[in-house]
C-alpha cells in the first residue's frame, strides 16, 4: 500500500477514488512514563518513553488507515495528514493520533 502526503504518485494515474479513510488511536501514558517525563522536564533532555509511545500510536493509526483503504479496494492513500491531540485534564491526559487521506485505485501510465 502506497501512502503519501502528495496528491499524486509519480508514474501512476488514479483510476478511481474510493473515499476518505481514517485511522485513530487514543493512548494513555502510565505512571512510570509520567514520572520519567517529569524528571526529564526538570533536568532537561528528551523523553524517550513518550517518544516511543508517540511513534507506536502513529504506526498503529497508519496501519488502521491502510486496512480501511484496502477494505475499500484501494492500493494507495493520497494526501495523508497526521494530527496529534491531547485529551483530558487534571493529569489524566491521553494522546490521540489521527491520520486521514484519500483512498485510491491506481493504474500504471
PDB file of N, CA and C in Angstrom:
ATOM      1  N   UNK A   1       0.861  -1.183   0.000  1.00  0.00           N
ATOM      2  CA  UNK A   1       0.000   0.000   0.000  1.00  0.00           C
ATOM      3  C   UNK A   1       0.899   1.234   0.000  1.00  0.00           C
ATOM      4  N   UNK A   2       0.708   2.087  -0.976  1.00  0.00           N
ATOM      5  CA  UNK A   2       1.438   3.356  -1.038  1.00  0.00           C
ATOM      6  C   UNK A   2       0.670   4.380  -0.204  1.00  0.00           C
ATOM      7  N   UNK A   3       1.386   5.057   0.695  1.00  0.00           N
ATOM      8  CA  UNK A   3       0.805   6.148   1.477  1.00  0.00           C
ATOM      9  C   UNK A   3       1.717   7.349   1.280  1.00  0.00           C
ATOM     10  N   UNK A   4       1.130   8.455   0.835  1.00  0.00           N
ATOM     11  CA  UNK A   4       1.924   9.642   0.560  1.00  0.00           C
ATOM     12  C   UNK A   4       1.187  10.906   0.970  1.00  0.00           C
ATOM     13  N   UNK A   5       1.949  11.914   1.315  1.00  0.00           N
ATOM     14  CA  UNK A   5       1.359  13.209   1.645  1.00  0.00           C
ATOM     15  C   UNK A   5       1.050  14.014   0.392  1.00  0.00           C
ATOM     16  N   UNK A   6       1.544  13.555  -0.749  1.00  0.00           N
ATOM     17  CA  UNK A   6       1.294  14.251  -2.008  1.00  0.00           C
ATOM     18  C   UNK A   6      -0.054  13.823  -2.583  1.00  0.00           C
ATOM     19  N   UNK A   7      -0.469  14.497  -3.656  1.00  0.00           N
ATOM     20  CA  UNK A   7      -1.769  14.199  -4.258  1.00  0.00           C
ATOM     21  C   UNK A   7      -1.644  13.390  -5.546  1.00  0.00           C
ATOM     22  N   UNK A   8      -0.440  12.854  -5.776  1.00  0.00           N
ATOM     23  CA  UNK A   8      -0.204  12.017  -6.954  1.00  0.00           C
ATOM     24  C   UNK A   8       0.961  11.084  -6.653  1.00  0.00           C
ATOM     25  N   UNK A   9       1.041  10.019  -7.424  1.00  0.00           N
ATOM     26  CA  UNK A   9       2.160   9.084  -7.347  1.00  0.00           C
ATOM     27  C   UNK A   9       2.834   9.093  -8.706  1.00  0.00           C
ATOM     28  N   UNK A  10       4.113   9.417  -8.712  1.00  0.00           N
ATOM     29  CA  UNK A  10       4.839   9.521  -9.973  1.00  0.00           C
ATOM     30  C   UNK A  10       4.767   8.209 -10.754  1.00  0.00           C
ATOM     31  N   UNK A  11       4.441   8.324 -12.029  1.00  0.00           N
ATOM     32  CA  UNK A  11       4.359   7.154 -12.888  1.00  0.00           C
ATOM     33  C   UNK A  11       3.053   6.396 -12.786  1.00  0.00           C
ATOM     34  N   UNK A  12       2.120   6.892 -12.004  1.00  0.00           N
ATOM     35  CA  UNK A  12       0.816   6.231 -11.814  1.00  0.00           C
ATOM     36  C   UNK A  12      -0.297   7.232 -12.062  1.00  0.00           C
ATOM     37  N   UNK A  13      -1.422   6.726 -12.493  1.00  0.00           N
ATOM     38  CA  UNK A  13      -2.609   7.541 -12.688  1.00  0.00           C
ATOM     39  C   UNK A  13      -3.707   7.004 -11.782  1.00  0.00           C
ATOM     40  N   UNK A  14      -4.493   7.900 -11.217  1.00  0.00           N
ATOM     41  CA  UNK A  14      -5.607   7.477 -10.375  1.00  0.00           C
ATOM     42  C   UNK A  14      -6.706   6.924 -11.272  1.00  0.00           C
ATOM     43  N   UNK A  15      -7.029   5.649 -11.081  1.00  0.00           N
ATOM     44  CA  UNK A  15      -8.100   5.013 -11.845  1.00  0.00           C
ATOM     45  C   UNK A  15      -9.462   5.312 -11.218  1.00  0.00           C
ATOM     46  N   UNK A  16      -9.504   5.259  -9.868  1.00  0.00           N
ATOM     47  CA  UNK A  16     -10.764   5.565  -9.187  1.00  0.00           C
ATOM     48  C   UNK A  16     -10.494   6.012  -7.756  1.00  0.00           C
ATOM     49  N   UNK A  17     -11.379   6.868  -7.271  1.00  0.00           N
ATOM     50  CA  UNK A  17     -11.327   7.341  -5.900  1.00  0.00           C
ATOM     51  C   UNK A  17     -12.270   6.482  -5.071  1.00  0.00           C
ATOM     52  N   UNK A  18     -11.773   5.960  -3.957  1.00  0.00           N
ATOM     53  CA  UNK A  18     -12.567   5.052  -3.138  1.00  0.00           C
ATOM     54  C   UNK A  18     -13.146   5.709  -1.893  1.00  0.00           C
ATOM     55  N   UNK A  19     -12.706   6.920  -1.584  1.00  0.00           N
ATOM     56  CA  UNK A  19     -13.253   7.639  -0.436  1.00  0.00           C
ATOM     57  C   UNK A  19     -12.177   8.030   0.561  1.00  0.00           C
ATOM     58  N   UNK A  20     -12.599   8.807   1.540  1.00  0.00           N
ATOM     59  CA  UNK A  20     -11.698   9.248   2.593  1.00  0.00           C
ATOM     60  C   UNK A  20     -11.599   8.139   3.634  1.00  0.00           C
ATOM     61  N   UNK A  21     -10.375   7.880   4.071  1.00  0.00           N
ATOM     62  CA  UNK A  21     -10.146   6.858   5.094  1.00  0.00           C
ATOM     63  C   UNK A  21      -9.435   7.478   6.289  1.00  0.00           C
ATOM     64  N   UNK A  22      -9.703   6.903   7.456  1.00  0.00           N
ATOM     65  CA  UNK A  22      -9.138   7.405   8.706  1.00  0.00           C
ATOM     66  C   UNK A  22      -8.513   6.273   9.504  1.00  0.00           C
ATOM     67  N   UNK A  23      -7.617   6.642  10.380  1.00  0.00           N
ATOM     68  CA  UNK A  23      -7.084   5.745  11.397  1.00  0.00           C
ATOM     69  C   UNK A  23      -6.996   6.563  12.675  1.00  0.00           C
ATOM     70  N   UNK A  24      -7.488   6.009  13.774  1.00  0.00           N
ATOM     71  CA  UNK A  24      -7.487   6.736  15.037  1.00  0.00           C
ATOM     72  C   UNK A  24      -6.955   5.850  16.147  1.00  0.00           C
ATOM     73  N   UNK A  25      -6.140   6.439  17.001  1.00  0.00           N
ATOM     74  CA  UNK A  25      -5.621   5.721  18.161  1.00  0.00           C
ATOM     75  C   UNK A  25      -5.619   6.690  19.336  1.00  0.00           C
ATOM     76  N   UNK A  26      -6.085   6.216  20.485  1.00  0.00           N
ATOM     77  CA  UNK A  26      -6.007   7.000  21.720  1.00  0.00           C
ATOM     78  C   UNK A  26      -5.247   6.157  22.727  1.00  0.00           C
ATOM     79  N   UNK A  27      -4.175   6.727  23.260  1.00  0.00           N
ATOM     80  CA  UNK A  27      -3.350   6.006  24.229  1.00  0.00           C
ATOM     81  C   UNK A  27      -3.172   6.854  25.475  1.00  0.00           C
ATOM     82  N   UNK A  28      -3.050   6.171  26.590  1.00  0.00           N
ATOM     83  CA  UNK A  28      -2.764   6.844  27.848  1.00  0.00           C
ATOM     84  C   UNK A  28      -1.360   6.491  28.293  1.00  0.00           C
ATOM     85  N   UNK A  29      -0.692   7.432  28.900  1.00  0.00           N
ATOM     86  CA  UNK A  29       0.636   7.170  29.452  1.00  0.00           C
ATOM     87  C   UNK A  29       0.466   6.658  30.874  1.00  0.00           C
ATOM     88  N   UNK A  30       1.318   5.728  31.253  1.00  0.00           N
ATOM     89  CA  UNK A  30       1.190   5.181  32.599  1.00  0.00           C
ATOM     90  C   UNK A  30       2.015   5.986  33.604  1.00  0.00           C
ATOM     91  N   UNK A  31       1.880   5.644  34.854  1.00  0.00           N
ATOM     92  CA  UNK A  31       2.508   6.392  35.943  1.00  0.00           C
ATOM     93  C   UNK A  31       4.031   6.455  35.790  1.00  0.00           C
ATOM     94  N   UNK A  32       4.664   5.353  35.440  1.00  0.00           N
ATOM     95  CA  UNK A  32       6.127   5.319  35.337  1.00  0.00           C
ATOM     96  C   UNK A  32       6.609   6.253  34.235  1.00  0.00           C
ATOM     97  N   UNK A  33       5.932   6.232  33.082  1.00  0.00           N
ATOM     98  CA  UNK A  33       6.308   7.134  31.987  1.00  0.00           C
ATOM     99  C   UNK A  33       6.093   8.590  32.404  1.00  0.00           C
ATOM    100  N   UNK A  34       5.002   8.855  33.108  1.00  0.00           N
ATOM    101  CA  UNK A  34       4.753  10.218  33.579  1.00  0.00           C
ATOM    102  C   UNK A  34       5.849  10.670  34.538  1.00  0.00           C
ATOM    103  N   UNK A  35       6.260   9.767  35.433  1.00  0.00           N
ATOM    104  CA  UNK A  35       7.308  10.090  36.397  1.00  0.00           C
ATOM    105  C   UNK A  35       8.630  10.375  35.691  1.00  0.00           C
ATOM    106  N   UNK A  36       9.008   9.504  34.743  1.00  0.00           N
ATOM    107  CA  UNK A  36      10.248   9.705  33.975  1.00  0.00           C
ATOM    108  C   UNK A  36      10.186  11.007  33.182  1.00  0.00           C
ATOM    109  N   UNK A  37       9.044  11.285  32.589  1.00  0.00           N
ATOM    110  CA  UNK A  37       8.893  12.517  31.813  1.00  0.00           C
ATOM    111  C   UNK A  37       9.013  13.735  32.724  1.00  0.00           C
ATOM    112  N   UNK A  38       8.497  13.629  33.943  1.00  0.00           N
ATOM    113  CA  UNK A  38       8.623  14.720  34.898  1.00  0.00           C
ATOM    114  C   UNK A  38      10.080  14.994  35.247  1.00  0.00           C
ATOM    115  N   UNK A  39      10.868  13.928  35.415  1.00  0.00           N
ATOM    116  CA  UNK A  39      12.299  14.092  35.681  1.00  0.00           C
ATOM    117  C   UNK A  39      13.000  14.716  34.487  1.00  0.00           C
ATOM    118  N   UNK A  40      12.648  14.260  33.294  1.00  0.00           N
ATOM    119  CA  UNK A  40      13.243  14.820  32.081  1.00  0.00           C
ATOM    120  C   UNK A  40      12.896  16.293  31.962  1.00  0.00           C
ATOM    121  N   UNK A  41      11.662  16.637  32.288  1.00  0.00           N
ATOM    122  CA  UNK A  41      11.229  18.028  32.237  1.00  0.00           C
ATOM    123  C   UNK A  41      12.033  18.882  33.229  1.00  0.00           C
ATOM    124  N   UNK A  42      12.294  18.323  34.403  1.00  0.00           N
ATOM    125  CA  UNK A  42      13.024  19.050  35.435  1.00  0.00           C
ATOM    126  C   UNK A  42      14.510  19.202  35.081  1.00  0.00           C
ATOM    127  N   UNK A  43      15.134  18.099  34.645  1.00  0.00           N
ATOM    128  CA  UNK A  43      16.575  18.104  34.375  1.00  0.00           C
ATOM    129  C   UNK A  43      16.921  18.455  32.933  1.00  0.00           C
ATOM    130  N   UNK A  44      15.953  18.406  32.055  1.00  0.00           N
ATOM    131  CA  UNK A  44      16.193  18.697  30.638  1.00  0.00           C
ATOM    132  C   UNK A  44      16.445  17.423  29.843  1.00  0.00           C
ATOM    133  N   UNK A  45      16.372  17.538  28.523  1.00  0.00           N
ATOM    134  CA  UNK A  45      16.604  16.386  27.654  1.00  0.00           C
ATOM    135  C   UNK A  45      15.332  15.904  26.999  1.00  0.00           C
ATOM    136  N   UNK A  46      15.472  14.800  26.305  1.00  0.00           N
ATOM    137  CA  UNK A  46      14.346  14.218  25.578  1.00  0.00           C
ATOM    138  C   UNK A  46      13.713  13.108  26.397  1.00  0.00           C
ATOM    139  N   UNK A  47      12.419  12.915  26.178  1.00  0.00           N
ATOM    140  CA  UNK A  47      11.685  11.856  26.864  1.00  0.00           C
ATOM    141  C   UNK A  47      11.529  10.664  25.935  1.00  0.00           C
ATOM    142  N   UNK A  48      12.445   9.726  26.050  1.00  0.00           N
ATOM    143  CA  UNK A  48      12.415   8.532  25.206  1.00  0.00           C
ATOM    144  C   UNK A  48      11.138   7.727  25.366  1.00  0.00           C
ATOM    145  N   UNK A  49      10.612   7.663  26.595  1.00  0.00           N
ATOM    146  CA  UNK A  49       9.393   6.882  26.842  1.00  0.00           C
ATOM    147  C   UNK A  49       8.220   7.467  26.071  1.00  0.00           C
ATOM    148  N   UNK A  50       8.069   8.799  26.114  1.00  0.00           N
ATOM    149  CA  UNK A  50       6.966   9.424  25.391  1.00  0.00           C
ATOM    150  C   UNK A  50       7.190   9.375  23.882  1.00  0.00           C
ATOM    151  N   UNK A  51       8.423   9.532  23.450  1.00  0.00           N
ATOM    152  CA  UNK A  51       8.716   9.463  22.017  1.00  0.00           C
ATOM    153  C   UNK A  51       8.364   8.089  21.460  1.00  0.00           C
ATOM    154  N   UNK A  52       8.685   7.041  22.214  1.00  0.00           N
ATOM    155  CA  UNK A  52       8.355   5.681  21.773  1.00  0.00           C
ATOM    156  C   UNK A  52       6.839   5.481  21.742  1.00  0.00           C
ATOM    157  N   UNK A  53       6.148   5.984  22.742  1.00  0.00           N
ATOM    158  CA  UNK A  53       4.677   5.880  22.784  1.00  0.00           C
ATOM    159  C   UNK A  53       4.054   6.606  21.595  1.00  0.00           C
ATOM    160  N   UNK A  54       4.574   7.780  21.285  1.00  0.00           N
ATOM    161  CA  UNK A  54       4.080   8.565  20.165  1.00  0.00           C
ATOM    162  C   UNK A  54       4.295   7.822  18.846  1.00  0.00           C
ATOM    163  N   UNK A  55       5.467   7.252  18.661  1.00  0.00           N
ATOM    164  CA  UNK A  55       5.770   6.505  17.437  1.00  0.00           C
ATOM    165  C   UNK A  55       4.856   5.293  17.292  1.00  0.00           C
ATOM    166  N   UNK A  56       4.646   4.562  18.379  1.00  0.00           N
ATOM    167  CA  UNK A  56       3.768   3.385  18.325  1.00  0.00           C
ATOM    168  C   UNK A  56       2.333   3.780  18.003  1.00  0.00           C
ATOM    169  N   UNK A  57       1.868   4.877  18.584  1.00  0.00           N
ATOM    170  CA  UNK A  57       0.499   5.339  18.311  1.00  0.00           C
ATOM    171  C   UNK A  57       0.359   5.739  16.851  1.00  0.00           C
ATOM    172  N   UNK A  58       1.336   6.460  16.316  1.00  0.00           N
ATOM    173  CA  UNK A  58       1.299   6.881  14.909  1.00  0.00           C
ATOM    174  C   UNK A  58       1.326   5.664  13.986  1.00  0.00           C
ATOM    175  N   UNK A  59       2.189   4.693  14.275  1.00  0.00           N
ATOM    176  CA  UNK A  59       2.267   3.482  13.460  1.00  0.00           C
ATOM    177  C   UNK A  59       0.945   2.703  13.479  1.00  0.00           C
ATOM    178  N   UNK A  60       0.315   2.642  14.645  1.00  0.00           N
ATOM    179  CA  UNK A  60      -0.975   1.949  14.761  1.00  0.00           C
ATOM    180  C   UNK A  60      -2.064   2.657  13.970  1.00  0.00           C
ATOM    181  N   UNK A  61      -2.091   3.983  14.036  1.00  0.00           N
ATOM    182  CA  UNK A  61      -3.093   4.753  13.290  1.00  0.00           C
ATOM    183  C   UNK A  61      -2.890   4.583  11.791  1.00  0.00           C
ATOM    184  N   UNK A  62      -1.634   4.590  11.331  1.00  0.00           N
ATOM    185  CA  UNK A  62      -1.350   4.382   9.906  1.00  0.00           C
ATOM    186  C   UNK A  62      -1.778   2.981   9.468  1.00  0.00           C
ATOM    187  N   UNK A  63      -1.496   1.977  10.280  1.00  0.00           N
ATOM    188  CA  UNK A  63      -1.879   0.601   9.941  1.00  0.00           C
ATOM    189  C   UNK A  63      -3.395   0.471   9.836  1.00  0.00           C
ATOM    190  N   UNK A  64      -4.114   1.120  10.751  1.00  0.00           N
ATOM    191  CA  UNK A  64      -5.587   1.082  10.720  1.00  0.00           C
ATOM    192  C   UNK A  64      -6.112   1.743   9.450  1.00  0.00           C
ATOM    193  N   UNK A  65      -5.528   2.891   9.081  1.00  0.00           N
ATOM    194  CA  UNK A  65      -5.957   3.592   7.870  1.00  0.00           C
ATOM    195  C   UNK A  65      -5.700   2.728   6.627  1.00  0.00           C
ATOM    196  N   UNK A  66      -4.543   2.076   6.566  1.00  0.00           N
ATOM    197  CA  UNK A  66      -4.219   1.205   5.428  1.00  0.00           C
ATOM    198  C   UNK A  66      -5.203   0.044   5.323  1.00  0.00           C
ATOM    199  N   UNK A  67      -5.573  -0.542   6.465  1.00  0.00           N
ATOM    200  CA  UNK A  67      -6.545  -1.639   6.470  1.00  0.00           C
ATOM    201  C   UNK A  67      -7.891  -1.181   5.918  1.00  0.00           C
ATOM    202  N   UNK A  68      -8.320  -0.005   6.327  1.00  0.00           N
ATOM    203  CA  UNK A  68      -9.597   0.528   5.856  1.00  0.00           C
ATOM    204  C   UNK A  68      -9.545   0.845   4.363  1.00  0.00           C
ATOM    205  N   UNK A  69      -8.408   1.354   3.895  1.00  0.00           N
ATOM    206  CA  UNK A  69      -8.254   1.626   2.467  1.00  0.00           C
ATOM    207  C   UNK A  69      -8.284   0.327   1.664  1.00  0.00           C
ATOM    208  N   UNK A  70      -7.583  -0.687   2.141  1.00  0.00           N
ATOM    209  CA  UNK A  70      -7.557  -1.987   1.454  1.00  0.00           C
ATOM    210  C   UNK A  70      -8.960  -2.600   1.407  1.00  0.00           C
ATOM    211  N   UNK A  71      -9.731  -2.427   2.487  1.00  0.00           N
ATOM    212  CA  UNK A  71     -11.095  -2.956   2.528  1.00  0.00           C
ATOM    213  C   UNK A  71     -11.980  -2.287   1.485  1.00  0.00           C
ATOM    214  N   UNK A  72     -11.616  -1.084   1.044  1.00  0.00           N
ATOM    215  CA  UNK A  72     -12.365  -0.379   0.005  1.00  0.00           C
ATOM    216  C   UNK A  72     -11.796  -0.659  -1.386  1.00  0.00           C
ATOM    217  N   UNK A  73     -10.824  -1.566  -1.474  1.00  0.00           N
ATOM    218  CA  UNK A  73     -10.256  -1.927  -2.771  1.00  0.00           C
ATOM    219  C   UNK A  73      -9.175  -0.976  -3.258  1.00  0.00           C
ATOM    220  N   UNK A  74      -8.645  -0.151  -2.370  1.00  0.00           N
ATOM    221  CA  UNK A  74      -7.613   0.818  -2.752  1.00  0.00           C
ATOM    222  C   UNK A  74      -6.228   0.180  -2.684  1.00  0.00           C
ATOM    223  N   UNK A  75      -5.304   0.745  -3.454  1.00  0.00           N
ATOM    224  CA  UNK A  75      -3.914   0.320  -3.343  1.00  0.00           C
ATOM    225  C   UNK A  75      -2.994   1.485  -2.992  1.00  0.00           C
ATOM    226  N   UNK A  76      -3.591   2.647  -2.678  1.00  0.00           N
ATOM    227  CA  UNK A  76      -2.818   3.808  -2.246  1.00  0.00           C
ATOM    228  C   UNK A  76      -3.703   4.758  -1.459  1.00  0.00           C
ATOM    229  N   UNK A  77      -3.050   5.571  -0.632  1.00  0.00           N
ATOM    230  CA  UNK A  77      -3.724   6.653   0.079  1.00  0.00           C
ATOM    231  C   UNK A  77      -2.957   7.924  -0.238  1.00  0.00           C
ATOM    232  N   UNK A  78      -3.652   8.897  -0.810  1.00  0.00           N
ATOM    233  CA  UNK A  78      -3.042  10.167  -1.201  1.00  0.00           C
ATOM    234  C   UNK A  78      -3.431  11.271  -0.229  1.00  0.00           C
ATOM    235  N   UNK A  79      -2.585  12.305  -0.148  1.00  0.00           N
ATOM    236  CA  UNK A  79      -2.888  13.470   0.675  1.00  0.00           C
ATOM    237  C   UNK A  79      -2.985  13.151   2.154  1.00  0.00           C
ATOM    238  N   UNK A  80      -2.181  12.211   2.643  1.00  0.00           N
ATOM    239  CA  UNK A  80      -2.253  11.772   4.025  1.00  0.00           C
ATOM    240  C   UNK A  80      -1.844  12.897   4.982  1.00  0.00           C
ATOM    241  N   UNK A  81      -2.629  13.055   6.027  1.00  0.00           N
ATOM    242  CA  UNK A  81      -2.363  14.035   7.077  1.00  0.00           C
ATOM    243  C   UNK A  81      -2.318  13.331   8.421  1.00  0.00           C
ATOM    244  N   UNK A  82      -1.462  13.819   9.325  1.00  0.00           N
ATOM    245  CA  UNK A  82      -1.371  13.287  10.685  1.00  0.00           C
ATOM    246  C   UNK A  82      -1.732  14.406  11.647  1.00  0.00           C
ATOM    247  N   UNK A  83      -2.519  14.084  12.668  1.00  0.00           N
ATOM    248  CA  UNK A  83      -2.904  15.066  13.677  1.00  0.00           C
ATOM    249  C   UNK A  83      -2.706  14.458  15.062  1.00  0.00           C
ATOM    250  N   UNK A  84      -2.154  15.262  15.970  1.00  0.00           N
ATOM    251  CA  UNK A  84      -1.943  14.854  17.356  1.00  0.00           C
ATOM    252  C   UNK A  84      -2.769  15.757  18.249  1.00  0.00           C
ATOM    253  N   UNK A  85      -3.385  15.170  19.270  1.00  0.00           N
ATOM    254  CA  UNK A  85      -4.209  15.942  20.196  1.00  0.00           C
ATOM    255  C   UNK A  85      -4.078  15.345  21.592  1.00  0.00           C
ATOM    256  N   UNK A  86      -4.035  16.191  22.604  1.00  0.00           N
ATOM    257  CA  UNK A  86      -4.027  15.729  23.991  1.00  0.00           C
ATOM    258  C   UNK A  86      -5.442  15.859  24.522  1.00  0.00           C
ATOM    259  N   UNK A  87      -5.956  14.779  25.081  1.00  0.00           N
ATOM    260  CA  UNK A  87      -7.300  14.755  25.655  1.00  0.00           C
ATOM    261  C   UNK A  87      -7.191  14.629  27.167  1.00  0.00           C
ATOM    262  N   UNK A  88      -8.105  15.228  27.863  1.00  0.00           N
ATOM    263  CA  UNK A  88      -8.151  15.076  29.311  1.00  0.00           C
ATOM    264  C   UNK A  88      -7.638  16.293  30.037  1.00  0.00           C
ATOM    265  N   UNK A  89      -7.717  16.202  31.361  1.00  0.00           N
ATOM    266  CA  UNK A  89      -7.260  17.290  32.226  1.00  0.00           C
ATOM    267  C   UNK A  89      -6.898  16.716  33.586  1.00  0.00           C
ATOM    268  N   UNK A  90      -6.382  17.559  34.458  1.00  0.00           N
ATOM    269  CA  UNK A  90      -6.038  17.164  35.833  1.00  0.00           C
ATOM    270  C   UNK A  90      -5.096  15.966  35.879  1.00  0.00           C
ATOM    271  N   UNK A  91      -4.118  15.944  34.976  1.00  0.00           N
ATOM    272  CA  UNK A  91      -3.140  14.869  34.975  1.00  0.00           C
ATOM    273  C   UNK A  91      -3.628  13.572  34.370  1.00  0.00           C
ATOM    274  N   UNK A  92      -4.845  13.554  33.877  1.00  0.00           N
ATOM    275  CA  UNK A  92      -5.409  12.342  33.266  1.00  0.00           C
ATOM    276  C   UNK A  92      -5.341  12.443  31.744  1.00  0.00           C
ATOM    277  N   UNK A  93      -4.211  12.877  31.239  1.00  0.00           N
ATOM    278  CA  UNK A  93      -4.082  13.121  29.810  1.00  0.00           C
ATOM    279  C   UNK A  93      -3.923  11.843  29.011  1.00  0.00           C
ATOM    280  N   UNK A  94      -4.486  11.868  27.837  1.00  0.00           N
ATOM    281  CA  UNK A  94      -4.343  10.794  26.874  1.00  0.00           C
ATOM    282  C   UNK A  94      -3.965  11.436  25.551  1.00  0.00           C
ATOM    283  N   UNK A  95      -3.266  10.697  24.724  1.00  0.00           N
ATOM    284  CA  UNK A  95      -2.834  11.185  23.426  1.00  0.00           C
ATOM    285  C   UNK A  95      -3.694  10.566  22.334  1.00  0.00           C
ATOM    286  N   UNK A  96      -4.226  11.406  21.466  1.00  0.00           N
ATOM    287  CA  UNK A  96      -4.993  10.920  20.320  1.00  0.00           C
ATOM    288  C   UNK A  96      -4.196  11.226  19.052  1.00  0.00           C
ATOM    289  N   UNK A  97      -3.996  10.203  18.247  1.00  0.00           N
ATOM    290  CA  UNK A  97      -3.330  10.358  16.956  1.00  0.00           C
ATOM    291  C   UNK A  97      -4.332   9.954  15.888  1.00  0.00           C
ATOM    292  N   UNK A  98      -4.578  10.853  14.942  1.00  0.00           N
ATOM    293  CA  UNK A  98      -5.458  10.533  13.824  1.00  0.00           C
ATOM    294  C   UNK A  98      -4.709  10.756  12.522  1.00  0.00           C
ATOM    295  N   UNK A  99      -4.986   9.907  11.561  1.00  0.00           N
ATOM    296  CA  UNK A  99      -4.450  10.054  10.217  1.00  0.00           C
ATOM    297  C   UNK A  99      -5.618   9.944   9.247  1.00  0.00           C
ATOM    298  N   UNK A 100      -5.522  10.648   8.124  1.00  0.00           N
ATOM    299  CA  UNK A 100      -6.564  10.544   7.115  1.00  0.00           C
ATOM    300  C   UNK A 100      -5.970  10.799   5.749  1.00  0.00           C
ATOM    301  N   UNK A 101      -6.663  10.361   4.744  1.00  0.00           N
ATOM    302  CA  UNK A 101      -6.242  10.567   3.375  1.00  0.00           C
ATOM    303  C   UNK A 101      -7.315  10.056   2.431  1.00  0.00           C
ATOM    304  N   UNK A 102      -7.035  10.154   1.151  1.00  0.00           N
ATOM    305  CA  UNK A 102      -7.976   9.707   0.124  1.00  0.00           C
ATOM    306  C   UNK A 102      -7.526   8.362  -0.418  1.00  0.00           C
ATOM    307  N   UNK A 103      -8.364   7.345  -0.247  1.00  0.00           N
ATOM    308  CA  UNK A 103      -8.065   6.013  -0.766  1.00  0.00           C
ATOM    309  C   UNK A 103      -8.335   6.002  -2.268  1.00  0.00           C
ATOM    310  N   UNK A 104      -7.375   5.481  -3.025  1.00  0.00           N
ATOM    311  CA  UNK A 104      -7.498   5.437  -4.484  1.00  0.00           C
ATOM    312  C   UNK A 104      -7.022   4.111  -5.036  1.00  0.00           C
ATOM    313  N   UNK A 105      -7.515   3.805  -6.223  1.00  0.00           N
ATOM    314  CA  UNK A 105      -7.012   2.672  -7.006  1.00  0.00           C
ATOM    315  C   UNK A 105      -6.168   3.267  -8.111  1.00  0.00           C
ATOM    316  N   UNK A 106      -4.927   2.789  -8.248  1.00  0.00           N
ATOM    317  CA  UNK A 106      -4.008   3.338  -9.246  1.00  0.00           C
ATOM    318  C   UNK A 106      -3.894   2.436 -10.456  1.00  0.00           C
ATOM    319  N   UNK A 107      -3.445   3.025 -11.567  1.00  0.00           N
ATOM    320  CA  UNK A 107      -3.073   2.239 -12.742  1.00  0.00           C
ATOM    321  C   UNK A 107      -1.743   2.789 -13.243  1.00  0.00           C
ATOM    322  N   UNK A 108      -0.939   1.943 -13.848  1.00  0.00           N
ATOM    323  CA  UNK A 108       0.352   2.385 -14.389  1.00  0.00           C
ATOM    324  C   UNK A 108       0.131   3.217 -15.617  1.00  0.00           C
ATOM    325  N   UNK A 109       1.028   4.165 -15.829  1.00  0.00           N
ATOM    326  CA  UNK A 109       0.962   5.003 -17.042  1.00  0.00           C
ATOM    327  C   UNK A 109       1.614   4.306 -18.210  1.00  0.00           C
TER     328      UNK A 109
END
